[in-house]
N, C-alpha and C. Protein backbone atom coordinates (compact mmCIF):
# COMPACT_ATOMS: atom_id res chain seq x y z
N MET A 1 0.71 -1.53 0.06
CA MET A 1 0.12 0.14 -0.02
C MET A 1 0.70 1.47 0.43
N PRO A 2 0.68 2.46 -0.99
CA PRO A 2 1.29 3.72 -0.93
C PRO A 2 1.18 4.16 0.60
N THR A 3 2.47 4.70 0.65
CA THR A 3 2.50 5.25 2.37
C THR A 3 1.32 6.41 2.25
N GLU A 4 0.84 7.21 1.18
CA GLU A 4 0.00 8.26 1.43
C GLU A 4 -1.56 7.77 1.73
N ALA A 5 -1.39 6.57 0.66
CA ALA A 5 -3.02 5.89 1.23
C ALA A 5 -2.97 5.37 2.74
N ARG A 6 -2.14 4.50 3.38
CA ARG A 6 -1.82 4.28 4.40
C ARG A 6 -2.25 4.90 5.69
N ILE A 7 -1.45 6.55 5.67
CA ILE A 7 -1.53 8.01 6.14
C ILE A 7 -2.99 7.87 6.03
N ARG A 8 -3.44 8.14 5.45
CA ARG A 8 -4.99 8.41 5.30
C ARG A 8 -5.96 7.39 5.97
N GLU A 9 -5.61 5.84 5.76
CA GLU A 9 -6.03 4.94 6.05
C GLU A 9 -6.04 4.99 7.69
N LEU A 10 -5.04 5.74 8.40
CA LEU A 10 -4.77 5.50 9.71
C LEU A 10 -5.31 6.66 10.41
N ASP A 11 -5.52 7.29 9.47
CA ASP A 11 -5.73 9.13 9.71
C ASP A 11 -7.13 8.95 10.19
N SER A 12 -8.20 8.51 9.67
CA SER A 12 -9.57 8.01 9.63
C SER A 12 -9.95 7.17 10.50
N ARG A 13 -8.79 6.20 11.11
CA ARG A 13 -9.09 5.19 12.14
C ARG A 13 -8.66 6.12 13.62
N HIS A 14 -7.88 7.09 13.50
CA HIS A 14 -7.46 7.82 14.22
C HIS A 14 -8.73 8.67 14.59
N THR A 15 -9.44 9.47 13.81
CA THR A 15 -10.90 10.38 13.81
C THR A 15 -11.77 9.70 14.56
N HIS A 16 -11.79 8.26 13.95
CA HIS A 16 -13.14 7.46 14.68
C HIS A 16 -12.75 7.09 16.24
N LEU A 17 -11.91 6.80 16.60
CA LEU A 17 -11.33 6.66 18.12
C LEU A 17 -11.80 7.85 18.61
N GLU A 18 -11.19 8.97 18.34
CA GLU A 18 -11.43 10.19 19.06
C GLU A 18 -13.12 10.30 19.18
N THR A 19 -13.84 10.34 18.05
CA THR A 19 -15.15 10.17 18.10
C THR A 19 -15.70 9.16 19.22
N ARG A 20 -15.02 8.06 19.40
CA ARG A 20 -15.40 7.03 20.08
C ARG A 20 -15.38 6.98 21.42
N ILE A 21 -14.16 8.14 22.09
CA ILE A 21 -13.77 8.61 22.87
C ILE A 21 -14.55 9.70 23.66
N GLU A 22 -15.08 10.42 22.95
CA GLU A 22 -15.92 11.58 23.17
C GLU A 22 -17.19 11.11 23.58
N GLN A 23 -17.87 10.60 22.66
CA GLN A 23 -19.22 9.72 22.92
C GLN A 23 -19.14 8.92 24.70
N GLU A 24 -17.92 8.03 24.40
CA GLU A 24 -18.04 7.41 25.82
C GLU A 24 -17.31 8.42 27.26
N LEU A 25 -17.05 9.38 27.06
CA LEU A 25 -16.98 10.63 28.08
C LEU A 25 -17.90 11.02 28.84
N LYS A 26 -19.38 11.35 27.60
CA LYS A 26 -20.26 11.82 27.72
C LYS A 26 -21.13 11.17 28.38
N HIS A 27 -20.70 10.19 28.95
CA HIS A 27 -21.99 8.91 29.56
C HIS A 27 -21.29 9.42 30.69
N PRO A 28 -22.27 9.18 31.95
CA PRO A 28 -21.95 9.74 33.26
C PRO A 28 -21.65 7.95 34.16
N SER A 29 -21.68 7.42 33.16
CA SER A 29 -21.10 5.55 33.87
C SER A 29 -20.10 5.45 32.96
N ALA A 30 -18.90 6.17 32.53
CA ALA A 30 -18.36 5.63 31.41
C ALA A 30 -16.87 4.95 32.00
N ASP A 31 -16.78 4.23 30.96
CA ASP A 31 -16.35 2.52 31.26
C ASP A 31 -14.29 2.98 31.43
N THR A 32 -14.01 3.00 32.30
CA THR A 32 -12.30 3.81 32.57
C THR A 32 -11.67 2.48 31.41
N LEU A 33 -12.10 1.19 31.95
CA LEU A 33 -10.90 0.61 30.96
C LEU A 33 -10.74 0.97 29.58
N GLN A 34 -12.24 0.92 29.35
CA GLN A 34 -12.66 0.77 27.63
C GLN A 34 -11.92 2.13 27.38
N LEU A 35 -12.00 3.42 28.10
CA LEU A 35 -11.11 4.73 27.59
C LEU A 35 -10.22 4.52 27.54
N ALA A 36 -9.36 3.55 28.46
CA ALA A 36 -7.78 3.62 28.64
C ALA A 36 -7.48 3.21 27.27
N ASP A 37 -8.55 2.00 26.65
CA ASP A 37 -7.73 1.20 25.68
C ASP A 37 -8.23 2.02 24.31
N LEU A 38 -9.04 2.43 24.30
CA LEU A 38 -9.36 3.42 23.06
C LEU A 38 -8.19 4.41 23.27
N LYS A 39 -7.54 4.90 24.23
CA LYS A 39 -6.84 5.87 23.98
C LYS A 39 -5.38 5.42 23.64
N ARG A 40 -4.87 4.38 24.18
CA ARG A 40 -4.05 3.45 23.56
C ARG A 40 -3.82 3.16 22.31
N GLN A 41 -5.20 2.55 21.86
CA GLN A 41 -5.35 2.56 20.41
C GLN A 41 -4.96 3.56 19.25
N LYS A 42 -5.65 4.94 20.01
CA LYS A 42 -5.38 5.90 19.39
C LYS A 42 -3.83 6.46 19.11
N LEU A 43 -3.18 6.63 20.29
CA LEU A 43 -1.95 6.78 20.46
C LEU A 43 -0.91 6.00 19.57
N ARG A 44 -1.05 4.68 19.45
CA ARG A 44 -0.61 3.68 18.49
C ARG A 44 -0.28 4.10 17.25
N ILE A 45 -1.74 4.62 16.57
CA ILE A 45 -2.08 5.01 15.62
C ILE A 45 -1.11 6.34 15.22
N LYS A 46 -1.52 7.12 15.67
CA LYS A 46 -0.98 8.49 15.77
C LYS A 46 0.73 8.12 15.75
N GLU A 47 1.25 7.37 16.44
CA GLU A 47 2.87 7.15 16.08
C GLU A 47 2.87 6.36 14.54
N GLN A 48 2.12 5.59 14.49
CA GLN A 48 2.40 4.94 13.06
C GLN A 48 2.37 6.19 12.06
N ILE A 49 1.35 7.09 12.47
CA ILE A 49 1.35 7.73 11.26
C ILE A 49 2.47 8.87 11.16
N GLU A 50 3.14 9.29 12.35
CA GLU A 50 4.36 9.88 12.33
C GLU A 50 5.32 9.22 12.13
N ALA A 51 5.65 7.96 12.19
CA ALA A 51 6.51 7.22 11.62
C ALA A 51 6.49 7.20 10.02
N LEU A 52 5.30 6.89 9.43
CA LEU A 52 5.28 6.99 8.46
C LEU A 52 5.70 8.31 7.92
N ARG A 53 5.24 9.31 8.28
CA ARG A 53 5.75 10.37 7.64
C ARG A 53 7.24 11.09 8.00
N ARG A 54 7.70 10.41 8.76
CA ARG A 54 9.21 10.90 8.97
C ARG A 54 10.12 9.91 7.78
N ARG A 55 9.51 8.95 7.02
CA ARG A 55 10.27 8.02 6.63
C ARG A 55 10.82 9.16 5.09
N PRO A 56 11.52 8.66 4.36
CA PRO A 56 12.40 9.42 3.54
C PRO A 56 11.29 9.34 2.06
């Protein structure tokens, strides 16, 4: 997969996770374990995007 396409795919997943995190935070009984997992996934994706952008 070309790098730009992979970055777009990862960016889309990152945005989707951000939306899920925001929705979860709106609930008074937010599941802290699920929130932590979503945030970890989002961070991993962000790191992957940054690594791809640093490639020559």
